[in-house]
Amino acid sequence: MGGYAGFAAPDEVLEDGALTAGEKRDTLKHWLAATARRARSAAPPERAPLERLAIELAAAIEAVEIGRPLRHVWRHDEIEGRRKTG
Protein backbone atom coordinates (compact mmCIF):
# COMPACT_ATOMS: atom_id res chain seq x y z
CA MET A 1 0.00 0.00 0.00
CA GLY A 2 2.90 2.32 0.64
CA GLY A 3 3.21 5.01 3.22
CA TYR A 4 3.26 8.75 3.55
CA ALA A 5 6.04 11.25 4.32
CA GLY A 6 8.43 8.47 5.30
CA PHE A 7 5.94 6.72 7.59
CA ALA A 8 4.81 3.19 6.76
CA ALA A 9 1.77 3.19 9.07
CA PRO A 10 -0.21 5.72 11.12
CA ASP A 11 1.08 4.29 14.40
CA GLU A 12 4.59 5.29 13.33
CA VAL A 13 3.43 8.91 13.22
CA LEU A 14 1.98 8.55 16.72
CA GLU A 15 5.22 7.02 18.00
CA ASP A 16 7.49 9.69 16.49
CA GLY A 17 9.10 11.53 19.38
CA ALA A 18 10.29 14.45 17.27
CA LEU A 19 6.81 15.61 16.22
CA THR A 20 4.49 17.71 18.35
CA ALA A 21 0.87 16.64 18.75
CA GLY A 22 -0.12 19.31 16.23
CA GLU A 23 2.42 18.10 13.70
CA LYS A 24 1.24 14.52 14.17
CA ARG A 25 -2.38 15.58 13.67
CA ASP A 26 -1.52 17.61 10.55
CA THR A 27 0.53 14.77 9.05
CA LEU A 28 -2.27 12.28 9.67
CA LYS A 29 -4.91 14.65 8.24
CA HIS A 30 -2.86 15.23 5.08
CA TRP A 31 -2.34 11.47 4.73
CA LEU A 32 -6.09 10.92 5.17
CA ALA A 33 -6.89 13.51 2.49
CA ALA A 34 -4.42 11.90 0.08
CA THR A 35 -5.87 8.46 0.82
CA ALA A 36 -9.43 9.69 0.23
CA ARG A 37 -8.44 11.24 -3.12
CA ARG A 38 -6.73 8.02 -4.15
CA ALA A 39 -9.71 5.88 -3.06
CA ARG A 40 -12.15 7.94 -5.16
CA SER A 41 -10.33 7.05 -8.37
CA ALA A 42 -9.29 3.50 -7.42
CA ALA A 43 -10.80 0.37 -8.91
CA PRO A 44 -13.07 -1.52 -6.47
CA PRO A 45 -10.45 -4.16 -5.51
CA GLU A 46 -7.99 -1.39 -4.65
CA ARG A 47 -10.58 0.75 -2.86
CA ALA A 48 -11.25 -1.55 0.12
CA PRO A 49 -7.70 -1.42 1.56
CA LEU A 50 -7.67 2.35 1.10
CA GLU A 51 -10.97 2.64 2.96
CA ARG A 52 -9.57 0.53 5.82
CA LEU A 53 -6.48 2.76 5.92
CA ALA A 54 -8.76 5.81 6.06
CA ILE A 55 -10.49 4.32 9.12
CA GLU A 56 -7.12 3.71 10.76
CA LEU A 57 -5.99 7.25 9.99
CA ALA A 58 -9.19 8.70 11.45
CA ALA A 59 -8.66 6.65 14.62
CA ALA A 60 -5.07 7.90 14.85
CA ILE A 61 -6.22 11.51 14.42
CA GLU A 62 -8.74 11.00 17.20
CA ALA A 63 -6.03 9.49 19.39
CA VAL A 64 -3.88 12.60 18.94
CA GLU A 65 -6.79 14.94 19.58
CA ILE A 66 -7.98 13.29 22.79
CA GLY A 67 -4.66 11.91 23.98
CA ARG A 68 -5.72 8.26 23.80
CA PRO A 69 -2.92 5.74 24.45
CA LEU A 70 -1.38 4.23 21.33
CA ARG A 71 -2.47 0.67 22.15
CA HIS A 72 -6.08 1.59 21.26
CA VAL A 73 -5.28 2.56 17.69
CA TRP A 74 -5.77 0.00 14.93
CA ARG A 75 -2.73 -0.98 12.92
CA HIS A 76 -3.05 -1.27 9.15
CA ASP A 77 -0.79 -4.33 8.98
CA GLU A 78 -3.02 -6.12 11.52
CA ILE A 79 -6.16 -5.20 9.60
CA GLU A 80 -4.59 -6.62 6.47
CA GLY A 81 -3.52 -9.77 8.33
CA ARG A 82 0.17 -9.07 7.89
CA ARG A 83 2.95 -8.46 10.36
CA LYS A 84 5.61 -5.88 9.85
CA THR A 85 8.99 -7.44 9.27
CA GLY A 86 11.29 -4.57 9.87
C-alpha atoms as a PDB file:
ATOM      1  CA  MET A   1       0.000   0.000   0.000  1.00  0.00           C
ATOM      2  CA  GLY A   2       2.901   2.321   0.635  1.00  0.00           C
ATOM      3  CA  GLY A   3       3.212   5.008   3.219  1.00  0.00           C
ATOM      4  CA  TYR A   4       3.255   8.753   3.555  1.00  0.00           C
ATOM      5  CA  ALA A   5       6.036  11.245   4.323  1.00  0.00           C
ATOM      6  CA  GLY A   6       8.425   8.470   5.299  1.00  0.00           C
ATOM      7  CA  PHE A   7       5.941   6.722   7.592  1.00  0.00           C
ATOM      8  CA  ALA A   8       4.805   3.185   6.762  1.00  0.00           C
ATOM      9  CA  ALA A   9       1.775   3.191   9.071  1.00  0.00           C
ATOM     10  CA  PRO A  10      -0.214   5.721  11.115  1.00  0.00           C
ATOM     11  CA  ASP A  11       1.076   4.288  14.396  1.00  0.00           C
ATOM     12  CA  GLU A  12       4.592   5.293  13.327  1.00  0.00           C
ATOM     13  CA  VAL A  13       3.427   8.912  13.218  1.00  0.00           C
ATOM     14  CA  LEU A  14       1.983   8.553  16.715  1.00  0.00           C
ATOM     15  CA  GLU A  15       5.222   7.015  18.003  1.00  0.00           C
ATOM     16  CA  ASP A  16       7.489   9.693  16.487  1.00  0.00           C
ATOM     17  CA  GLY A  17       9.101  11.525  19.378  1.00  0.00           C
ATOM     18  CA  ALA A  18      10.289  14.454  17.267  1.00  0.00           C
ATOM     19  CA  LEU A  19       6.811  15.608  16.220  1.00  0.00           C
ATOM     20  CA  THR A  20       4.492  17.712  18.353  1.00  0.00           C
ATOM     21  CA  ALA A  21       0.873  16.637  18.754  1.00  0.00           C
ATOM     22  CA  GLY A  22      -0.124  19.307  16.226  1.00  0.00           C
ATOM     23  CA  GLU A  23       2.425  18.102  13.696  1.00  0.00           C
ATOM     24  CA  LYS A  24       1.245  14.515  14.165  1.00  0.00           C
ATOM     25  CA  ARG A  25      -2.380  15.578  13.669  1.00  0.00           C
ATOM     26  CA  ASP A  26      -1.518  17.613  10.551  1.00  0.00           C
ATOM     27  CA  THR A  27       0.532  14.767   9.049  1.00  0.00           C
ATOM     28  CA  LEU A  28      -2.272  12.276   9.669  1.00  0.00           C
ATOM     29  CA  LYS A  29      -4.906  14.645   8.240  1.00  0.00           C
ATOM     30  CA  HIS A  30      -2.863  15.234   5.078  1.00  0.00           C
ATOM     31  CA  TRP A  31      -2.342  11.467   4.727  1.00  0.00           C
ATOM     32  CA  LEU A  32      -6.093  10.922   5.174  1.00  0.00           C
ATOM     33  CA  ALA A  33      -6.894  13.507   2.488  1.00  0.00           C
ATOM     34  CA  ALA A  34      -4.416  11.900   0.076  1.00  0.00           C
ATOM     35  CA  THR A  35      -5.870   8.459   0.817  1.00  0.00           C
ATOM     36  CA  ALA A  36      -9.428   9.691   0.230  1.00  0.00           C
ATOM     37  CA  ARG A  37      -8.440  11.237  -3.118  1.00  0.00           C
ATOM     38  CA  ARG A  38      -6.734   8.018  -4.152  1.00  0.00           C
ATOM     39  CA  ALA A  39      -9.712   5.885  -3.064  1.00  0.00           C
ATOM     40  CA  ARG A  40     -12.146   7.937  -5.161  1.00  0.00           C
ATOM     41  CA  SER A  41     -10.326   7.049  -8.372  1.00  0.00           C
ATOM     42  CA  ALA A  42      -9.295   3.500  -7.424  1.00  0.00           C
ATOM     43  CA  ALA A  43     -10.802   0.365  -8.908  1.00  0.00           C
ATOM     44  CA  PRO A  44     -13.065  -1.522  -6.469  1.00  0.00           C
ATOM     45  CA  PRO A  45     -10.449  -4.159  -5.508  1.00  0.00           C
ATOM     46  CA  GLU A  46      -7.986  -1.387  -4.646  1.00  0.00           C
ATOM     47  CA  ARG A  47     -10.578   0.746  -2.861  1.00  0.00           C
ATOM     48  CA  ALA A  48     -11.253  -1.553   0.117  1.00  0.00           C
ATOM     49  CA  PRO A  49      -7.695  -1.420   1.555  1.00  0.00           C
ATOM     50  CA  LEU A  50      -7.670   2.355   1.105  1.00  0.00           C
ATOM     51  CA  GLU A  51     -10.971   2.641   2.958  1.00  0.00           C
ATOM     52  CA  ARG A  52      -9.569   0.534   5.820  1.00  0.00           C
ATOM     53  CA  LEU A  53      -6.484   2.758   5.916  1.00  0.00           C
ATOM     54  CA  ALA A  54      -8.758   5.813   6.060  1.00  0.00           C
ATOM     55  CA  ILE A  55     -10.487   4.323   9.118  1.00  0.00           C
ATOM     56  CA  GLU A  56      -7.125   3.707  10.761  1.00  0.00           C
ATOM     57  CA  LEU A  57      -5.993   7.254   9.986  1.00  0.00           C
ATOM     58  CA  ALA A  58      -9.195   8.695  11.448  1.00  0.00           C
ATOM     59  CA  ALA A  59      -8.658   6.652  14.622  1.00  0.00           C
ATOM     60  CA  ALA A  60      -5.070   7.902  14.850  1.00  0.00           C
ATOM     61  CA  ILE A  61      -6.218  11.512  14.421  1.00  0.00           C
ATOM     62  CA  GLU A  62      -8.742  11.003  17.204  1.00  0.00           C
ATOM     63  CA  ALA A  63      -6.026   9.487  19.391  1.00  0.00           C
ATOM     64  CA  VAL A  64      -3.883  12.597  18.939  1.00  0.00           C
ATOM     65  CA  GLU A  65      -6.787  14.942  19.583  1.00  0.00           C
ATOM     66  CA  ILE A  66      -7.980  13.285  22.785  1.00  0.00           C
ATOM     67  CA  GLY A  67      -4.660  11.909  23.975  1.00  0.00           C
ATOM     68  CA  ARG A  68      -5.721   8.263  23.797  1.00  0.00           C
ATOM     69  CA  PRO A  69      -2.921   5.739  24.452  1.00  0.00           C
ATOM     70  CA  LEU A  70      -1.375   4.233  21.328  1.00  0.00           C
ATOM     71  CA  ARG A  71      -2.474   0.673  22.154  1.00  0.00           C
ATOM     72  CA  HIS A  72      -6.084   1.586  21.264  1.00  0.00           C
ATOM     73  CA  VAL A  73      -5.283   2.558  17.686  1.00  0.00           C
ATOM     74  CA  TRP A  74      -5.767  -0.005  14.931  1.00  0.00           C
ATOM     75  CA  ARG A  75      -2.732  -0.985  12.916  1.00  0.00           C
ATOM     76  CA  HIS A  76      -3.047  -1.266   9.149  1.00  0.00           C
ATOM     77  CA  ASP A  77      -0.792  -4.331   8.984  1.00  0.00           C
ATOM     78  CA  GLU A  78      -3.020  -6.119  11.523  1.00  0.00           C
ATOM     79  CA  ILE A  79      -6.158  -5.204   9.601  1.00  0.00           C
ATOM     80  CA  GLU A  80      -4.588  -6.624   6.474  1.00  0.00           C
ATOM     81  CA  GLY A  81      -3.517  -9.773   8.333  1.00  0.00           C
ATOM     82  CA  ARG A  82       0.166  -9.065   7.895  1.00  0.00           C
ATOM     83  CA  ARG A  83       2.947  -8.464  10.365  1.00  0.00           C
ATOM     84  CA  LYS A  84       5.611  -5.876   9.855  1.00  0.00           C
ATOM     85  CA  THR A  85       8.986  -7.440   9.272  1.00  0.00           C
ATOM     86  CA  GLY A  86      11.293  -4.566   9.867  1.00  0.00           C
END
